[in-house]
Amino acid sequence: MIPTTGQGGFSGRSREDGLRFAQRMYRLRPFGLALGAVCVGGALWVRGAHPLVWTALALNALAWPHLAYLLARRSADPYRAERLNLMLDSASGGAWIAVIGFSAAPSVVIFSMMVMDKVSVGGLRFLARCLAVQVAAAALVALATGFEVQLQSTLVERIATLPLLICYPLAIGLTTYRLARRVRGQNQTLAALSSIDGLSGLLNRSHWESVVAAEFQRCRRIGHPSSVVMIDIDHFKVINDRHGHPVGDAAIRAIARILRGALRLHDVPGRYGGEEFGVVLPGTGIEGAMMLAERIRARIESAVLDPERGVRATASLGVAEFEVRDADHADWIARADRALYAAKEAGRNRAERCISADAAAARTQARA
């Protein structure tokens, strides 16, 4: 009978997916059937229908939604059971169109709402199957009633179509809107998860490099200073070999917490790979970046990375300020990386700055 369900799709065939699908359909089926009963009731009222017909209409509107949901829930395959329920909805809709003698106004509204309903649920292929069932049911009922066709609709019949015509599309629209918002939220969550390193909770390498690239272009455009800091845990392999990889993972997480606690809100840390981290410091020149790097180094040195085993570590850091001579952001990161390796060669547990090309040239001239 009449429009029945809401939005959704045949998203899977597992029992859990089927139950969720049946539940989505159940949320709007009672509402749609009640509105449809009003639409059909207007035509039955005009025609002075027999009490048994009114009883059948009441059962269809009030009892069938709950029975359909119960059948789906108790089925071994709720997905297929609910799909059958939807086809039975179409059959009942066709039957009621024939019962009211194909009266133009209610018949067109019922047919249109059911088309919208089935397309929203299962697309054109499912609509075609439901329409076939609907036409067959209408033909059988018409044969049983002697093809009593009364196309002309009275004012009462036209008025009775208004609740279905107005309220049901609104309900479908609201359901679609909520579903779209949920999908959008899920997509945003997936996008965020895809950018986060699972172990440290910081940006992963590719997304952190995209932040560096964006800051590189901004520095070129407006000419303000910014710096990149590269950080590497000293002797990290020894931690893994001596205490095991779980302790090494705990050390990675501890360093990430230290970075988040030491940085400003607009600074962007990321895990570059293995035991190496990177930080973008927007608007910070080399002196400010060196001060921040020293703060990070001192906090790492004083921290107990694994309290249960008393594991400690130090870190080496390399700092590079933006230079217009860099071809791209990769050159910027590479200069910070060279400064990092200079810190390791100088004895580790220290921060080194990358000397600019102008400063290097000045030093060379001074030595000469």
Protein backbone atom coordinates (compact mmCIF):
# COMPACT_ATOMS: atom_id res chain seq x y z
CA MET A 1 0.00 0.00 0.00
CA ILE A 2 1.09 3.57 -0.67
CA PRO A 3 4.54 5.05 0.16
CA THR A 4 6.38 3.21 2.81
CA THR A 5 9.99 3.76 3.58
CA GLY A 6 12.82 6.18 3.79
CA GLN A 7 16.31 6.45 2.45
CA GLY A 8 18.95 3.83 2.39
CA GLY A 9 20.43 1.34 0.03
CA PHE A 10 21.30 -2.28 -0.25
CA SER A 11 24.72 -1.69 1.24
CA GLY A 12 25.52 -5.24 2.25
CA ARG A 13 24.18 -8.72 2.80
CA SER A 14 25.49 -9.51 6.26
CA ARG A 15 22.91 -9.91 8.99
CA GLU A 16 24.10 -6.76 10.73
CA ASP A 17 23.79 -4.71 7.54
CA GLY A 18 20.38 -6.22 6.87
CA LEU A 19 19.13 -5.32 10.35
CA ARG A 20 20.32 -1.75 9.96
CA PHE A 21 18.61 -1.54 6.59
CA ALA A 22 15.33 -2.89 8.02
CA GLN A 23 15.53 -0.41 10.86
CA ARG A 24 15.97 2.50 8.44
CA MET A 25 12.90 1.37 6.54
CA TYR A 26 10.89 0.96 9.74
CA ARG A 27 11.48 4.55 10.81
CA LEU A 28 9.40 5.97 7.95
CA ARG A 29 7.09 3.12 6.98
CA PRO A 30 4.39 3.86 9.65
CA PHE A 31 4.42 7.54 8.72
CA GLY A 32 4.18 6.89 4.99
CA LEU A 33 1.43 4.31 5.38
CA ALA A 34 -0.61 6.60 7.64
CA LEU A 35 -0.42 9.41 5.08
CA GLY A 36 -1.30 6.95 2.34
CA ALA A 37 -4.29 5.74 4.32
CA VAL A 38 -5.59 9.31 4.46
CA CYS A 39 -5.14 9.59 0.69
CA VAL A 40 -6.99 6.33 0.01
CA GLY A 41 -9.52 7.08 2.73
CA GLY A 42 -10.71 10.18 0.93
CA ALA A 43 -11.62 8.11 -2.11
CA LEU A 44 -13.22 5.36 -0.01
CA TRP A 45 -15.31 7.94 1.82
CA VAL A 46 -16.65 9.37 -1.41
CA ARG A 47 -17.53 5.88 -2.64
CA GLY A 48 -19.14 4.76 0.62
CA ALA A 49 -16.80 1.79 1.06
CA HIS A 50 -17.83 -1.33 2.99
CA PRO A 51 -16.59 -1.56 6.62
CA LEU A 52 -14.42 -4.54 5.68
CA VAL A 53 -12.54 -2.36 3.23
CA TRP A 54 -11.97 0.23 5.96
CA THR A 55 -10.75 -2.55 8.25
CA ALA A 56 -8.29 -3.72 5.63
CA LEU A 57 -7.04 -0.15 5.19
CA ALA A 58 -6.58 0.26 8.94
CA LEU A 59 -4.67 -3.02 9.23
CA ASN A 60 -2.46 -2.08 6.30
CA ALA A 61 -1.65 1.31 7.81
CA LEU A 62 -1.37 0.39 11.49
CA ALA A 63 -0.37 -3.26 11.70
CA TRP A 64 1.71 -3.96 8.60
CA PRO A 65 4.67 -1.64 9.45
CA HIS A 66 5.32 -3.48 12.71
CA LEU A 67 4.72 -6.91 11.19
CA ALA A 68 7.13 -6.14 8.34
CA TYR A 69 9.84 -5.08 10.78
CA LEU A 70 9.27 -8.18 12.89
CA LEU A 71 9.56 -10.43 9.84
CA ALA A 72 12.80 -8.76 8.82
CA ARG A 73 14.31 -8.99 12.30
CA ARG A 74 13.43 -12.68 12.68
CA SER A 75 14.68 -13.61 9.23
CA ALA A 76 18.03 -15.31 8.77
CA ASP A 77 18.65 -12.76 6.01
CA PRO A 78 17.04 -9.44 7.07
CA TYR A 79 18.26 -7.75 3.91
CA ARG A 80 16.34 -10.07 1.62
CA ALA A 81 13.32 -10.09 3.94
CA GLU A 82 13.12 -6.30 3.92
CA ARG A 83 13.50 -6.24 0.17
CA LEU A 84 10.49 -8.56 -0.03
CA ASN A 85 8.62 -6.26 2.35
CA LEU A 86 9.25 -3.34 0.02
CA MET A 87 7.89 -5.29 -2.92
CA LEU A 88 4.80 -6.19 -0.86
CA ASP A 89 4.39 -2.47 -0.13
CA SER A 90 4.31 -1.87 -3.89
CA ALA A 91 1.79 -4.66 -4.37
CA SER A 92 -0.52 -3.19 -1.74
CA GLY A 93 -0.17 0.23 -3.34
CA GLY A 94 -1.29 -1.16 -6.69
CA ALA A 95 -4.17 -3.00 -5.03
CA TRP A 96 -5.47 0.15 -3.34
CA ILE A 97 -5.26 2.12 -6.59
CA ALA A 98 -7.55 -0.50 -8.16
CA VAL A 99 -9.86 -0.50 -5.12
CA ILE A 100 -10.51 3.23 -5.50
CA GLY A 101 -11.26 2.77 -9.20
CA PHE A 102 -8.06 4.44 -10.44
CA SER A 103 -9.34 7.83 -9.29
CA ALA A 104 -6.94 10.26 -10.93
CA ALA A 105 -5.76 12.47 -8.06
CA PRO A 106 -5.09 9.86 -5.35
CA SER A 107 -3.80 7.29 -7.87
CA VAL A 108 -1.27 9.69 -9.39
CA VAL A 109 -0.07 10.87 -5.98
CA ILE A 110 0.27 7.32 -4.61
CA PHE A 111 2.08 6.17 -7.74
CA SER A 112 4.44 9.17 -7.70
CA MET A 113 5.30 8.82 -4.02
CA MET A 114 6.00 5.11 -4.43
CA VAL A 115 8.24 5.75 -7.43
CA MET A 116 10.23 8.32 -5.43
CA ASP A 117 10.37 5.96 -2.48
CA LYS A 118 11.63 2.93 -4.39
CA VAL A 119 14.18 4.89 -6.44
CA SER A 120 15.59 6.37 -3.23
CA VAL A 121 15.89 2.90 -1.73
CA GLY A 122 17.18 0.74 -4.57
CA GLY A 123 17.58 2.70 -7.78
CA LEU A 124 15.94 2.15 -11.16
CA ARG A 125 16.40 -1.61 -11.29
CA PHE A 126 14.61 -2.13 -8.01
CA LEU A 127 11.94 0.36 -9.09
CA ALA A 128 11.28 -1.70 -12.23
CA ARG A 129 10.73 -4.85 -10.18
CA CYS A 130 8.42 -3.05 -7.75
CA LEU A 131 6.43 -1.49 -10.59
CA ALA A 132 5.92 -4.91 -12.15
CA VAL A 133 4.55 -6.22 -8.85
CA GLN A 134 2.40 -3.12 -8.44
CA VAL A 135 0.86 -3.42 -11.92
CA ALA A 136 0.17 -7.12 -11.39
CA ALA A 137 -1.57 -6.47 -8.07
CA ALA A 138 -3.64 -3.65 -9.55
CA ALA A 139 -4.71 -5.88 -12.44
CA LEU A 140 -5.74 -8.74 -10.14
CA VAL A 141 -7.80 -6.48 -7.87
CA ALA A 142 -9.38 -4.78 -10.88
CA LEU A 143 -10.41 -8.16 -12.25
CA ALA A 144 -11.87 -9.12 -8.89
CA THR A 145 -13.90 -5.91 -8.65
CA GLY A 146 -15.12 -5.91 -12.26
CA PHE A 147 -12.90 -3.07 -13.45
CA GLU A 148 -14.94 -0.33 -11.79
CA VAL A 149 -13.00 2.64 -13.15
CA GLN A 150 -13.87 6.11 -11.81
CA LEU A 151 -11.16 8.45 -13.05
CA GLN A 152 -12.84 11.68 -12.01
CA SER A 153 -11.67 12.87 -8.57
CA THR A 154 -13.87 14.88 -6.23
CA LEU A 155 -12.75 17.82 -4.11
CA VAL A 156 -12.66 15.59 -1.03
CA GLU A 157 -10.31 13.15 -2.80
CA ARG A 158 -8.03 15.94 -3.94
CA ILE A 159 -7.85 17.42 -0.45
CA ALA A 160 -7.11 13.98 1.03
CA THR A 161 -4.01 13.71 -1.17
CA LEU A 162 -2.42 16.87 0.30
CA PRO A 163 -0.93 15.36 3.50
CA LEU A 164 0.83 12.66 1.47
CA LEU A 165 1.83 15.06 -1.28
CA ILE A 166 3.33 17.59 1.12
CA CYS A 167 4.52 15.72 4.20
CA TYR A 168 6.04 12.57 2.72
CA PRO A 169 8.52 14.31 0.37
CA LEU A 170 9.48 16.52 3.31
CA ALA A 171 10.17 13.43 5.42
CA ILE A 172 12.20 11.88 2.60
CA GLY A 173 14.16 15.13 2.21
CA LEU A 174 14.94 15.36 5.92
CA THR A 175 16.03 11.73 6.01
CA THR A 176 18.26 12.29 2.98
CA TYR A 177 19.73 15.40 4.58
CA ARG A 178 20.56 13.56 7.80
CA LEU A 179 22.08 10.69 5.84
CA ALA A 180 24.17 13.11 3.77
CA ARG A 181 25.41 14.83 6.91
CA ARG A 182 26.35 11.50 8.46
CA VAL A 183 28.19 10.43 5.31
CA ARG A 184 29.97 13.78 5.14
CA GLY A 185 31.03 13.44 8.75
CA GLN A 186 32.29 9.93 8.13
CA ASN A 187 34.23 11.12 5.09
CA GLN A 188 35.81 13.89 7.13
CA THR A 189 36.75 11.40 9.82
CA LEU A 190 38.28 9.07 7.22
CA ALA A 191 40.18 11.98 5.67
CA ALA A 192 41.53 12.95 9.10
CA LEU A 193 42.50 9.36 9.89
CA SER A 194 44.27 9.02 6.56
CA SER A 195 46.45 12.04 7.41
CA ILE A 196 47.40 10.85 10.91
CA ASP A 197 50.24 8.53 11.81
CA GLY A 198 48.68 5.72 13.81
CA LEU A 199 51.50 5.33 16.33
CA SER A 200 52.37 8.91 17.23
CA GLY A 201 49.04 10.62 16.54
CA LEU A 202 50.90 13.30 14.57
CA LEU A 203 50.54 14.03 10.87
CA ASN A 204 52.07 11.33 8.71
CA ARG A 205 54.93 12.16 6.38
CA SER A 206 52.98 12.93 3.21
CA HIS A 207 50.51 15.24 4.94
CA TRP A 208 53.19 16.94 6.99
CA GLU A 209 55.17 17.59 3.81
CA SER A 210 52.05 19.11 2.26
CA VAL A 211 51.94 21.55 5.19
CA VAL A 212 55.61 22.41 4.58
CA ALA A 213 54.85 22.92 0.89
CA ALA A 214 51.96 25.27 1.69
CA GLU A 215 54.11 27.26 4.12
CA PHE A 216 56.91 27.39 1.54
CA GLN A 217 54.58 28.98 -1.02
CA ARG A 218 53.24 31.40 1.59
CA CYS A 219 56.76 32.49 2.51
CA ARG A 220 57.53 33.10 -1.12
CA ARG A 221 54.34 35.07 -1.58
CA ILE A 222 54.47 37.37 1.45
CA GLY A 223 58.15 37.12 2.41
CA HIS A 224 57.81 36.39 6.12
CA PRO A 225 60.27 34.14 8.00
CA SER A 226 59.44 30.53 8.84
CA SER A 227 61.54 27.58 9.91
CA VAL A 228 61.56 23.81 9.77
CA VAL A 229 62.98 21.62 12.54
CA MET A 230 63.96 18.00 11.97
CA ILE A 231 64.30 15.78 15.05
CA ASP A 232 65.85 12.33 15.37
CA ILE A 233 65.97 10.16 18.52
CA ASP A 234 69.58 9.28 19.31
CA HIS A 235 70.50 5.59 19.38
CA PHE A 236 66.90 4.52 18.85
CA LYS A 237 67.99 1.13 17.53
CA VAL A 238 69.60 0.42 20.90
CA ILE A 239 66.26 1.04 22.64
CA ASN A 240 64.52 -1.42 20.33
CA ASP A 241 67.25 -4.03 20.60
CA ARG A 242 67.56 -3.79 24.38
CA HIS A 243 63.94 -3.37 25.43
CA GLY A 244 61.91 -4.54 22.44
CA HIS A 245 59.79 -2.80 19.86
CA PRO A 246 56.81 -2.15 22.20
CA VAL A 247 59.09 0.03 24.33
CA GLY A 248 60.35 1.71 21.16
CA ASP A 249 56.75 2.43 20.21
CA ALA A 250 56.14 3.87 23.68
CA ALA A 251 59.16 6.14 23.17
CA ILE A 252 57.73 7.37 19.85
CA ARG A 253 54.43 8.19 21.54
CA ALA A 254 56.21 9.95 24.41
CA ILE A 255 58.24 12.12 22.02
CA ALA A 256 55.02 13.03 20.19
CA ARG A 257 53.46 14.14 23.48
CA ILE A 258 56.53 16.23 24.28
CA LEU A 259 56.32 17.93 20.89
CA ARG A 260 52.63 18.75 21.33
CA GLY A 261 53.34 20.18 24.78
CA ALA A 262 56.33 22.27 23.69
CA LEU A 263 54.88 23.80 20.53
CA ARG A 264 52.53 26.70 19.92
CA LEU A 265 49.04 26.16 18.54
CA HIS A 266 50.00 27.16 15.00
CA ASP A 267 53.17 25.04 14.88
CA VAL A 268 52.70 21.77 13.01
CA PRO A 269 54.54 18.60 14.08
CA GLY A 270 54.62 15.38 12.08
CA ARG A 271 56.25 11.99 12.08
CA TYR A 272 58.71 11.94 9.20
CA GLY A 273 59.48 8.24 9.45
CA GLY A 274 60.95 5.76 11.91
CA GLU A 275 62.35 7.73 14.83
CA GLU A 276 62.48 11.04 12.91
CA PHE A 277 60.05 13.91 13.36
CA GLY A 278 59.55 17.26 11.69
CA VAL A 279 58.05 20.56 12.84
CA VAL A 280 56.95 23.56 10.80
CA LEU A 281 57.24 26.87 12.64
CA PRO A 282 55.23 29.49 10.69
CA GLY A 283 56.39 33.06 11.22
CA THR A 284 59.46 32.02 13.22
CA GLY A 285 62.98 33.04 12.18
CA ILE A 286 66.12 31.11 12.84
CA GLU A 287 66.79 32.52 16.31
CA GLY A 288 63.31 31.79 17.58
CA ALA A 289 63.43 28.35 15.97
CA MET A 290 66.73 27.55 17.69
CA MET A 291 65.27 28.55 21.06
CA LEU A 292 62.27 26.30 20.48
CA ALA A 293 64.51 23.46 19.29
CA GLU A 294 66.58 23.75 22.46
CA ARG A 295 63.40 23.63 24.55
CA ILE A 296 62.33 20.42 22.79
CA ARG A 297 65.78 18.90 23.20
CA ALA A 298 65.86 19.66 26.93
CA ARG A 299 62.39 18.23 27.51
CA ILE A 300 63.26 15.03 25.69
CA GLU A 301 66.49 14.67 27.65
CA SER A 302 64.73 15.08 30.99
CA ALA A 303 61.73 12.88 30.18
CA VAL A 304 61.30 9.24 31.12
CA LEU A 305 59.96 7.75 27.91
CA ASP A 306 58.92 4.44 29.49
CA PRO A 307 58.38 4.81 33.26
CA GLU A 308 58.04 1.05 33.80
CA ARG A 309 61.57 0.41 32.56
CA GLY A 310 63.02 3.85 33.20
CA VAL A 311 63.90 4.31 29.54
CA ARG A 312 65.38 7.66 28.62
CA ALA A 313 66.76 9.06 25.38
CA THR A 314 68.19 12.17 23.82
CA ALA A 315 67.54 13.72 20.44
CA SER A 316 69.45 15.61 17.78
CA LEU A 317 67.77 18.49 15.96
CA GLY A 318 68.41 20.40 12.76
CA VAL A 319 66.90 23.82 12.05
CA ALA A 320 66.57 25.59 8.70
CA GLU A 321 64.98 28.94 8.01
CA PHE A 322 63.13 29.56 4.74
CA GLU A 323 65.38 30.81 1.95
CA VAL A 324 64.25 32.18 -1.40
CA ARG A 325 67.07 30.21 -3.01
CA ASP A 326 65.33 26.92 -2.23
CA ALA A 327 63.81 25.44 -5.39
CA ASP A 328 60.93 23.90 -3.46
CA HIS A 329 59.89 22.73 -0.02
CA ALA A 330 61.95 19.54 -0.42
CA ASP A 331 65.13 21.68 -0.51
CA TRP A 332 63.99 23.36 2.70
CA ILE A 333 63.49 20.03 4.45
CA ALA A 334 66.79 18.74 3.06
CA ARG A 335 68.69 21.69 4.57
CA ALA A 336 67.11 21.02 7.98
CA ASP A 337 68.04 17.35 7.58
CA ARG A 338 71.66 18.29 6.84
CA ALA A 339 71.71 20.38 9.99
CA LEU A 340 70.33 17.37 11.89
CA TYR A 341 73.16 15.15 10.69
CA ALA A 342 75.63 17.88 11.59
CA ALA A 343 74.23 17.73 15.14
CA LYS A 344 74.75 13.98 15.21
CA GLU A 345 78.30 14.30 13.94
CA ALA A 346 78.98 16.93 16.59
CA GLY A 347 78.14 14.47 19.38
CA ARG A 348 74.30 14.19 19.38
CA ASN A 349 71.87 15.60 21.96
CA ARG A 350 72.14 19.06 20.45
CA ALA A 351 70.47 21.40 17.97
CA GLU A 352 72.30 22.76 14.94
CA ARG A 353 71.19 25.42 12.49
CA CYS A 354 71.63 25.24 8.77
CA ILE A 355 73.98 28.02 7.74
CA SER A 356 72.52 30.07 4.88
CA ALA A 357 74.37 30.38 1.61
CA ASP A 358 75.11 34.06 2.32
CA ALA A 359 76.48 33.30 5.78
CA ALA A 360 78.62 30.46 4.41
CA ALA A 361 80.03 32.75 1.76
CA ALA A 362 80.79 35.41 4.38
CA ARG A 363 82.61 32.86 6.54
CA THR A 364 84.65 31.70 3.56
CA GLN A 365 85.66 35.26 2.75
CA ALA A 366 86.57 35.90 6.41
CA ARG A 367 88.80 32.84 6.51
CA ALA A 368 90.46 33.95 3.27
